[in-house]
Protein backbone atom coordinates (compact mmCIF):
# COMPACT_ATOMS: atom_id res chain seq x y z
CA MET A 1 109.01 55.30 107.84
CA ARG A 2 105.58 54.43 108.34
CA SER A 3 105.10 56.99 111.63
CA LEU A 4 106.05 59.55 109.07
CA PHE A 5 102.74 58.86 107.50
CA ARG A 6 101.01 58.38 109.76
CA ASN A 7 101.78 61.51 112.25
CA TYR A 8 101.64 63.35 109.42
CA GLY A 9 99.74 62.14 106.77
CA ILE A 10 96.74 64.42 106.43
CA TYR A 11 99.34 66.73 105.89
CA PHE A 12 100.67 65.69 103.31
CA ALA A 13 97.41 64.80 101.41
CA TRP A 14 96.16 68.61 102.25
CA ILE A 15 99.76 70.02 100.20
CA VAL A 16 99.21 67.13 97.30
CA SER A 17 94.81 68.90 97.20
CA MET A 18 96.61 72.34 97.14
CA VAL A 19 99.30 71.29 94.46
CA ALA A 20 96.42 70.26 92.44
CA THR A 21 94.21 72.71 92.80
CA ALA A 22 96.70 75.23 92.19
CA GLY A 23 97.90 73.49 89.01
CA SER A 24 94.16 73.33 87.70
CA LEU A 25 93.37 77.11 88.80
CA TYR A 26 97.26 78.17 86.71
CA LEU A 27 96.38 76.38 83.64
CA SER A 28 92.87 77.94 83.30
CA GLU A 29 93.68 80.86 84.69
CA VAL A 30 96.87 81.87 83.87
CA LEU A 31 97.15 79.69 80.36
CA HIS A 32 93.79 80.12 79.46
CA TYR A 33 92.95 76.01 78.75
CA GLU A 34 89.20 76.15 79.26
CA PRO A 35 88.42 73.13 81.40
CA CYS A 36 85.98 70.56 79.53
CA ARG A 37 83.48 68.89 81.10
CA LEU A 38 84.81 66.10 83.29
CA CYS A 39 88.12 68.29 84.21
CA TRP A 40 85.03 70.57 86.22
CA PHE A 41 84.17 67.09 87.07
CA GLN A 42 86.90 66.22 88.76
CA ARG A 43 87.88 69.77 90.02
CA ILE A 44 84.25 69.68 92.40
CA PHE A 45 85.58 66.86 93.83
CA MET A 46 89.28 68.06 94.41
CA TYR A 47 88.91 71.30 95.30
CA PRO A 48 86.84 70.85 99.08
CA GLN A 49 89.74 68.69 99.45
CA VAL A 50 91.73 71.69 100.40
CA VAL A 51 89.61 73.21 102.70
CA LEU A 52 88.35 69.78 104.37
CA LEU A 53 92.03 68.77 104.68
CA GLY A 54 93.85 71.48 105.47
CA ILE A 55 90.76 71.96 108.81
CA ALA A 56 92.36 68.46 109.89
CA ALA A 57 95.75 69.28 109.55
CA TYR A 58 95.21 72.61 111.20
CA ARG A 59 92.86 70.18 114.13
CA ASN A 60 95.02 66.73 114.26
CA ASP A 61 91.89 65.18 112.62
CA ARG A 62 91.53 62.00 111.61
CA ASN A 63 87.84 62.31 112.06
CA VAL A 64 87.65 63.58 108.48
CA ILE A 65 88.94 60.65 106.77
CA PRO A 66 86.15 58.40 105.96
CA TYR A 67 84.54 61.91 104.43
CA ILE A 68 87.43 62.88 102.33
CA LEU A 69 88.06 59.19 100.76
CA PRO A 70 85.02 59.23 98.84
CA LEU A 71 85.02 62.56 96.61
CA SER A 72 89.13 61.09 95.95
CA PHE A 73 87.56 57.47 94.55
CA ILE A 74 84.85 59.36 92.70
CA GLY A 75 87.38 62.22 91.21
CA GLY A 76 90.16 59.31 90.71
CA SER A 77 87.59 57.16 88.83
CA ILE A 78 86.27 60.25 86.76
CA SER A 79 89.84 60.77 85.90
CA VAL A 80 90.82 57.75 84.91
CA TYR A 81 87.63 57.44 82.19
CA HIS A 82 88.71 60.75 81.36
CA TYR A 83 92.88 59.78 80.87
CA ALA A 84 90.31 56.36 78.52
CA GLU A 85 88.54 58.95 76.79
CA GLN A 86 91.79 61.07 75.62
CA LYS A 87 94.06 57.93 75.03
CA ILE A 88 91.24 55.32 73.37
CA PRO A 89 89.43 57.41 70.26
CA ALA A 90 86.64 54.93 69.95
CA LEU A 91 85.31 55.90 73.69
CA ALA A 92 85.80 59.58 72.29
CA LYS A 93 83.48 58.56 69.97
CA ALA A 94 80.84 56.85 72.41
CA ILE A 95 80.08 59.72 74.76
CA PRO A 96 80.97 62.90 73.36
CA CYS A 97 81.96 65.83 75.30
CA LYS A 98 78.99 67.99 72.96
CA VAL A 99 79.86 71.20 74.99
CA GLY A 100 82.99 73.70 75.49
CA VAL A 101 86.12 71.97 74.82
CA PRO A 102 86.14 68.61 73.58
CA CYS A 103 87.03 66.20 76.88
CA ASP A 104 89.30 64.29 74.05
CA PHE A 105 92.03 67.28 73.22
CA ASP A 106 95.30 67.28 75.14
CA TYR A 107 96.53 70.76 76.41
CA LEU A 108 99.13 69.14 77.73
CA ASN A 109 101.09 65.96 76.15
CA TRP A 110 104.33 64.96 78.26
CA PHE A 111 106.69 62.13 76.92
CA GLY A 112 103.34 61.03 74.88
CA PHE A 113 101.25 59.76 77.82
CA LEU A 114 101.36 62.75 80.59
CA THR A 115 98.40 64.91 80.14
CA ILE A 116 95.89 66.86 83.11
CA PRO A 117 94.30 63.89 83.85
CA LEU A 118 96.54 61.56 84.48
CA MET A 119 98.19 63.91 86.28
CA CYS A 120 94.82 64.79 88.44
CA LEU A 121 94.72 60.69 88.78
CA ILE A 122 98.32 60.76 90.20
CA ALA A 123 96.92 63.14 92.35
CA PHE A 124 94.24 61.35 94.20
CA ILE A 125 95.67 58.52 94.06
CA LEU A 126 98.25 60.10 96.74
CA ILE A 127 95.69 61.33 98.81
CA ILE A 128 94.44 57.99 98.67
CA THR A 129 97.40 56.55 100.37
CA PHE A 130 98.19 59.42 102.09
CA LEU A 131 95.08 59.40 104.02
CA PHE A 132 94.90 55.56 104.24
CA ALA A 133 98.59 55.33 106.05
CA ALA A 134 96.88 58.01 108.78
CA ARG A 135 94.25 55.74 109.23
CA GLY A 136 95.42 54.35 112.20
CA GLY A 137 96.15 57.15 113.65
CA ALA A 138 99.19 59.45 114.93
CA VAL A 139 101.77 57.48 117.42
CA PRO A 140 100.86 57.98 121.28
CA VAL A 141 104.15 59.17 122.74
CA GLN A 142 103.91 58.27 126.57
CA PRO A 143 104.38 61.03 128.95
CA THR A 144 106.48 60.48 131.53
CA THR A 145 106.74 62.37 134.76
CA GLU A 146 109.74 62.43 137.51
CA ILE A 147 107.23 59.95 139.53
CA GLU A 148 107.64 57.13 137.19
CA GLU A 149 111.21 57.92 136.27
CA THR A 150 112.09 57.63 140.65
CA GLU A 151 109.58 54.06 140.64
CA GLN A 152 111.96 53.32 137.53
CA LEU A 153 115.28 53.14 138.53
């Protein structure tokens, strides 16, 4: 199982970033939920990951991981603050969103705790987890040749 995440962690992170991006675009463009200021900042840190991780997955390039992790950590930090602002009313009053939709407004509130910022935070955490698992590189496969096989016999 560990080698699965080590070998395909970049692919899994890319899939998570695509789902998160598609989900945010669906919510804003199809359901017409206007994103607040903090939602825009979270998108700023998620959207480039689709392109960067897609190229890295295509090339199987693990050198992109140090560039993606800061995007995910910063975006995840914004998601934590945004979620706290939604769930702790005093935070929303301390630094209110003054333009557009208030940042403490819940379009979705499934099961009483699952909101859009929490879903975004989960996506950032999954990306971070998959990239940390993929940092070790692919498990090398030892190629065998006919000469090696005959020497072993």
